[in-house]
Structures are given as C-alpha cells and as structure tokens.
C-alpha cells in the first residue's frame, strides 16, 4: 500500500553502496524503519533528504509485518542545516531525537508526541534564543506525555502554590523531588526518603516559567546560565528515573546515558 506521511528522521545508516536505512518517527504510524534505495547517490532525488533531524514529507510503500518499509519519494520540510549549521543546536537536536528513538516502539502512533517533536524542532531550527531552555521545555513535556508530569506550580506534598513562595522570598526552602515528581516546600516533607535537590531561587523561578510558557513565549524567559544548566540537569535526571516505568522494552540504560550527558 502506498501511503503519504510527515516524518522526522531519527537516525540514518549507510546500506550497501548507495542506499540508506533510517529510523523515522511519523505522524500516522509512529516509529518505523525504512530503506531508501540509492539515497546516497548525488543524482538520486532522495539524496540529502533523509538526514538525521530533517523533517520530511514521505511517500512509502508500506506492507504490514515487514520490518523495513520502502521510501519512494520525499520532500524536505525543514532541516537543522538551515539557515546554517550550529554546533549548540546540533547538540540539543541529537539529544531530543535519540530520546524519542530509544524510548518508543515501532508502529505505535502517538500524535501528541509527534506534534511535540515537530513543534520543538521547528523552534530549534527557527532561531530560538536559548537552545537549553528549549530543551528543558521539551523534556518537561515529553516526560509528562509518558504519564509522569511533575508538579511544578504547587508543592507535590502539600498542594501549596510554589509561585507565591517565590514571590515572598521563601524559595530558598524549595526542593525538586524525584518521586513523587515535582517541587516541594521543605516543611511539607521534612522526613521524606525520596531523592531531592535543593533549588536555588533562580532555578525554581525558571522551572515555573518553563512550565507555564508556550513555545512562542520562550524567548521572553531570561535566566542565568547556571540556573538553566541546573534545570536541564534536574529534568534529565527526572526523565531517566521515570522512563523505566513507561513500559518501553528498549535499553533504558542507553536512554539514561543520553539524558545525563
């Protein structure tokens, strides 16, 4: 059956002399593996289109039960090479697409995840102000899609508003708790055995801002690089801790390594 779908190229491998085998995440079928015959031939219409990170419109010969589907045509929608390559952008890109590739199963359609992935990449390629803030935004929403949304605006134990604590200057007593996930006031869980990290006020404020801001507003978030780095570290650790509960059969040790480096 010939099908058309939009897809993100997650990984590419050379195959034989001029072909490619790619892992892609599609809008209509979830993750799948495809072969693009002759895609490394400079004269082939597929040349350069099936590169990791590219968003493409594909025409696929799809057959149920076949491990490798065949790509017959493709058109580029967006690429990390446009307007020009950027090492910091690529560092964030590869973390994002590797997390999706290693934490999803083939043929499991998830429109919400596809929308999150493509919207994040569109922002990443469109010249967002701070790549790491965008990455933190993605991680928070990715782990939430898996069913493990951390409580950011209210204390995970008492339900008290976190934003008000920051506003009155008591954010120094805030923690990020790994399980149950979220921010917590120190007095609400003095004896908890859960792993927790004391939050600098700037990091707590940044997490609240990321949680309540859409993609279009991320450039308005101003944060100290140290706070951004700590927020990313916390969300990566939280993501790694909870991926083991997502039901995936992939090698979660590899996923944990990706999000922790």
Protein backbone atom coordinates (compact mmCIF):
# COMPACT_ATOMS: atom_id res chain seq x y z
CA UNK A 1 0.00 0.00 0.00
CA UNK A 2 1.31 3.46 -0.90
CA UNK A 3 1.00 5.96 1.96
CA UNK A 4 1.98 9.57 2.50
CA UNK A 5 3.05 10.90 5.87
CA UNK A 6 5.18 13.56 7.51
CA UNK A 7 8.19 12.25 9.44
CA UNK A 8 11.26 13.19 11.45
CA UNK A 9 14.46 11.32 10.60
CA UNK A 10 15.83 9.97 13.89
CA UNK A 11 18.85 8.03 12.63
CA UNK A 12 20.48 7.12 9.33
CA UNK A 13 22.75 4.22 8.43
CA UNK A 14 24.67 3.56 5.23
CA UNK A 15 23.50 0.44 3.41
CA UNK A 16 25.46 -1.21 0.66
CA UNK A 17 26.94 1.12 -1.95
CA UNK A 18 24.47 3.99 -2.19
CA UNK A 19 21.39 3.26 -0.07
CA UNK A 20 20.29 4.19 3.45
CA UNK A 21 18.35 2.57 6.25
CA UNK A 22 16.69 5.11 8.50
CA UNK A 23 14.73 5.17 11.71
CA UNK A 24 11.93 7.73 11.38
CA UNK A 25 9.09 8.97 13.57
CA UNK A 26 5.95 9.50 11.53
CA UNK A 27 2.73 11.37 12.12
CA UNK A 28 0.50 8.50 11.01
CA UNK A 29 2.33 5.32 12.05
CA UNK A 30 4.70 6.21 14.87
CA UNK A 31 8.26 4.99 14.62
CA UNK A 32 9.31 2.79 11.72
CA UNK A 33 12.40 1.66 9.86
CA UNK A 34 12.67 2.46 6.17
CA UNK A 35 15.04 1.82 3.30
CA UNK A 36 15.80 4.50 0.75
CA UNK A 37 17.42 2.88 -2.26
CA UNK A 38 20.12 4.97 -3.90
CA UNK A 39 19.67 7.82 -1.39
CA UNK A 40 23.45 8.40 -1.20
CA UNK A 41 23.77 8.80 -4.96
CA UNK A 42 24.23 12.52 -5.73
CA UNK A 43 21.94 12.13 -8.76
CA UNK A 44 19.13 10.47 -6.79
CA UNK A 45 16.10 12.62 -5.89
CA UNK A 46 16.34 11.38 -2.28
CA UNK A 47 19.95 12.48 -1.85
CA UNK A 48 20.38 14.67 1.24
CA UNK A 49 16.73 14.44 2.29
CA UNK A 50 16.92 11.54 4.74
CA UNK A 51 19.46 13.03 7.14
CA UNK A 52 19.08 12.91 10.92
CA UNK A 53 16.96 15.78 12.18
CA UNK A 54 15.29 16.54 8.86
CA UNK A 55 11.51 16.88 8.81
CA UNK A 56 10.19 15.44 5.55
CA UNK A 57 7.06 14.56 3.65
CA UNK A 58 7.39 10.93 2.57
CA UNK A 59 5.78 8.54 0.14
CA UNK A 60 6.22 4.99 1.43
CA UNK A 61 5.44 1.54 0.12
CA UNK A 62 4.12 0.15 3.41
CA UNK A 63 3.42 -3.53 3.98
CA UNK A 64 2.10 -4.85 7.31
CA UNK A 65 4.55 -7.17 9.05
CA UNK A 66 7.57 -6.06 7.05
CA UNK A 67 10.45 -4.74 9.17
CA UNK A 68 11.78 -2.39 6.50
CA UNK A 69 9.37 -0.20 4.56
CA UNK A 70 10.46 1.34 1.24
CA UNK A 71 10.67 5.09 0.60
CA UNK A 72 9.80 6.07 -2.95
CA UNK A 73 9.71 9.87 -2.68
CA UNK A 74 10.41 12.67 -0.22
CA UNK A 75 10.20 16.44 0.09
CA UNK A 76 12.07 18.50 2.66
CA UNK A 77 10.03 20.46 5.19
CA UNK A 78 12.79 21.72 7.48
CA UNK A 79 16.42 21.00 8.28
CA UNK A 80 18.93 21.80 11.05
CA UNK A 81 21.32 22.96 8.30
CA UNK A 82 19.10 25.97 7.53
CA UNK A 83 19.94 28.80 7.75
CA UNK A 84 23.38 27.44 8.73
CA UNK A 85 24.88 24.65 10.88
CA UNK A 86 25.25 25.39 14.60
CA UNK A 87 27.08 23.05 16.99
CA UNK A 88 24.98 24.03 20.01
CA UNK A 89 21.79 23.44 18.04
CA UNK A 90 23.04 20.02 16.90
CA UNK A 91 23.94 19.05 20.48
CA UNK A 92 20.36 19.66 21.59
CA UNK A 93 18.90 18.13 18.42
CA UNK A 94 20.68 14.80 18.83
CA UNK A 95 19.62 14.50 22.46
CA UNK A 96 16.00 15.09 21.51
CA UNK A 97 15.83 12.67 18.60
CA UNK A 98 17.80 9.96 20.43
CA UNK A 99 15.43 10.12 23.40
CA UNK A 100 12.45 9.70 21.07
CA UNK A 101 14.13 6.90 19.11
CA UNK A 102 15.16 4.86 22.14
CA UNK A 103 12.02 5.32 24.23
CA UNK A 104 9.38 4.46 21.60
CA UNK A 105 8.29 1.24 19.93
CA UNK A 106 7.69 0.66 16.23
CA UNK A 107 4.18 1.12 14.86
CA UNK A 108 2.82 2.87 17.95
CA UNK A 109 1.12 6.02 16.73
CA UNK A 110 1.25 8.98 19.11
CA UNK A 111 0.00 12.21 17.59
CA UNK A 112 0.77 14.21 20.73
CA UNK A 113 4.40 13.09 20.73
CA UNK A 114 4.73 13.77 17.00
CA UNK A 115 3.27 17.26 17.47
CA UNK A 116 5.62 17.94 20.40
CA UNK A 117 8.65 16.70 18.47
CA UNK A 118 7.97 18.64 15.27
CA UNK A 119 7.00 21.83 17.09
CA UNK A 120 10.19 21.68 19.16
CA UNK A 121 12.35 21.10 16.09
CA UNK A 122 10.63 23.92 14.22
CA UNK A 123 11.50 26.24 17.08
CA UNK A 124 15.03 24.86 17.30
CA UNK A 125 15.62 25.47 13.60
CA UNK A 126 13.88 28.84 13.61
CA UNK A 127 16.48 30.65 15.67
CA UNK A 128 15.26 30.32 19.27
CA UNK A 129 17.16 32.45 21.76
CA UNK A 130 18.38 29.76 24.17
CA UNK A 131 18.67 26.17 22.99
CA UNK A 132 18.94 24.78 26.53
CA UNK A 133 15.77 26.48 27.71
CA UNK A 134 14.01 24.94 24.71
CA UNK A 135 15.50 21.54 25.60
CA UNK A 136 14.24 21.85 29.20
CA UNK A 137 10.81 22.80 27.84
CA UNK A 138 10.81 19.68 25.66
CA UNK A 139 11.94 17.36 28.47
CA UNK A 140 9.21 18.58 30.80
CA UNK A 141 6.50 17.95 28.23
CA UNK A 142 8.00 14.70 26.95
CA UNK A 143 8.02 13.04 30.37
CA UNK A 144 4.53 14.42 31.01
CA UNK A 145 3.30 12.65 27.85
CA UNK A 146 4.58 9.41 29.35
CA UNK A 147 2.30 9.99 32.32
CA UNK A 148 4.83 11.35 34.80
CA UNK A 149 4.13 15.07 34.80
CA UNK A 150 5.97 16.67 37.75
CA UNK A 151 4.14 19.15 39.93
CA UNK A 152 5.86 22.46 39.24
CA UNK A 153 3.47 25.20 40.33
CA UNK A 154 2.24 23.51 43.50
CA UNK A 155 4.08 21.63 46.25
CA UNK A 156 3.91 17.96 45.37
CA UNK A 157 3.13 17.10 49.00
CA UNK A 158 1.04 19.94 50.44
CA UNK A 159 -0.50 21.48 47.33
CA UNK A 160 0.71 24.96 48.30
CA UNK A 161 1.42 27.35 45.46
CA UNK A 162 5.11 27.45 44.56
CA UNK A 163 4.88 30.75 42.70
CA UNK A 164 3.67 32.50 45.85
CA UNK A 165 6.61 31.06 47.78
CA UNK A 166 9.00 32.54 45.25
CA UNK A 167 7.14 35.85 45.36
CA UNK A 168 7.52 36.27 49.13
CA UNK A 169 11.17 35.28 49.09
CA UNK A 170 10.87 31.81 50.62
CA UNK A 171 12.03 29.94 47.54
CA UNK A 172 15.27 29.08 49.31
CA UNK A 173 13.33 26.32 51.06
CA UNK A 174 12.23 24.64 47.84
CA UNK A 175 13.33 21.21 46.67
CA UNK A 176 12.92 19.20 43.49
CA UNK A 177 11.77 15.72 44.49
CA UNK A 178 12.26 12.81 42.10
CA UNK A 179 9.43 10.60 43.38
CA UNK A 180 6.70 11.73 43.50
CA UNK A 181 7.96 14.22 40.97
CA UNK A 182 7.92 17.94 41.43
CA UNK A 183 8.74 20.91 43.59
CA UNK A 184 8.24 20.73 47.33
CA UNK A 185 8.34 23.09 50.30
CA UNK A 186 10.81 21.88 52.91
CA UNK A 187 8.28 21.94 55.74
CA UNK A 188 5.86 19.78 53.75
CA UNK A 189 8.16 16.76 53.60
CA UNK A 190 10.83 17.04 56.27
CA UNK A 191 11.30 13.29 56.60
CA UNK A 192 10.83 12.11 53.04
CA UNK A 193 13.21 9.40 51.87
CA UNK A 194 12.81 10.37 48.24
CA UNK A 195 15.81 11.73 46.40
CA UNK A 196 15.64 15.52 46.34
CA UNK A 197 17.72 18.51 45.30
CA UNK A 198 17.72 21.90 46.97
CA UNK A 199 16.71 24.51 44.40
CA UNK A 200 18.34 27.91 44.02
CA UNK A 201 15.60 30.56 43.74
CA UNK A 202 16.57 31.31 40.13
CA UNK A 203 16.19 27.66 39.10
CA UNK A 204 12.82 27.36 40.84
CA UNK A 205 11.62 30.50 39.09
CA UNK A 206 12.88 29.19 35.73
CA UNK A 207 11.11 25.84 36.13
CA UNK A 208 7.85 27.65 36.92
CA UNK A 209 8.31 29.88 33.88
CA UNK A 210 9.05 26.95 31.55
CA UNK A 211 6.04 25.04 32.87
CA UNK A 212 3.63 27.89 32.21
CA UNK A 213 5.04 29.19 28.91
CA UNK A 214 4.29 28.07 25.37
CA UNK A 215 6.86 27.78 22.62
CA UNK A 216 6.19 31.25 21.29
CA UNK A 217 7.00 32.81 24.66
CA UNK A 218 10.27 31.05 25.45
CA UNK A 219 12.41 33.91 24.12
CA UNK A 220 10.91 36.13 26.81
CA UNK A 221 12.34 33.97 29.59
CA UNK A 222 15.54 35.43 30.98
CA UNK A 223 17.67 33.16 33.14
CA UNK A 224 21.19 32.89 34.47
CA UNK A 225 23.11 30.19 32.54
CA UNK A 226 23.84 28.40 35.84
CA UNK A 227 20.11 28.19 36.59
CA UNK A 228 19.39 26.94 33.08
CA UNK A 229 22.07 24.27 33.33
CA UNK A 230 20.78 23.09 36.71
CA UNK A 231 17.18 22.98 35.46
CA UNK A 232 18.26 20.85 32.49
CA UNK A 233 20.22 18.51 34.81
CA UNK A 234 17.21 18.05 37.08
CA UNK A 235 14.81 17.34 34.22
CA UNK A 236 17.25 14.94 32.58
CA UNK A 237 17.61 13.02 35.84
CA UNK A 238 13.85 13.02 36.36
CA UNK A 239 13.30 11.78 32.80
CA UNK A 240 15.86 8.99 33.26
CA UNK A 241 14.32 7.95 36.59
CA UNK A 242 10.82 7.61 35.18
CA UNK A 243 11.50 6.14 31.73
CA UNK A 244 11.85 2.74 33.37
CA UNK A 245 8.14 2.96 34.26
CA UNK A 246 6.99 3.87 30.74
CA UNK A 247 6.56 0.28 29.57
CA UNK A 248 9.14 0.54 26.80
CA UNK A 249 11.18 -2.56 26.02
CA UNK A 250 14.19 -0.64 24.79
CA UNK A 251 17.53 -0.47 26.54
CA UNK A 252 16.73 2.17 29.13
CA UNK A 253 20.32 2.23 30.35
CA UNK A 254 21.24 3.77 27.00
CA UNK A 255 18.45 6.32 27.30
CA UNK A 256 19.65 7.25 30.77
CA UNK A 257 23.15 7.82 29.43
CA UNK A 258 21.81 10.11 26.71
CA UNK A 259 19.83 12.36 29.04
CA UNK A 260 22.57 12.50 31.64
CA UNK A 261 25.36 13.73 29.36
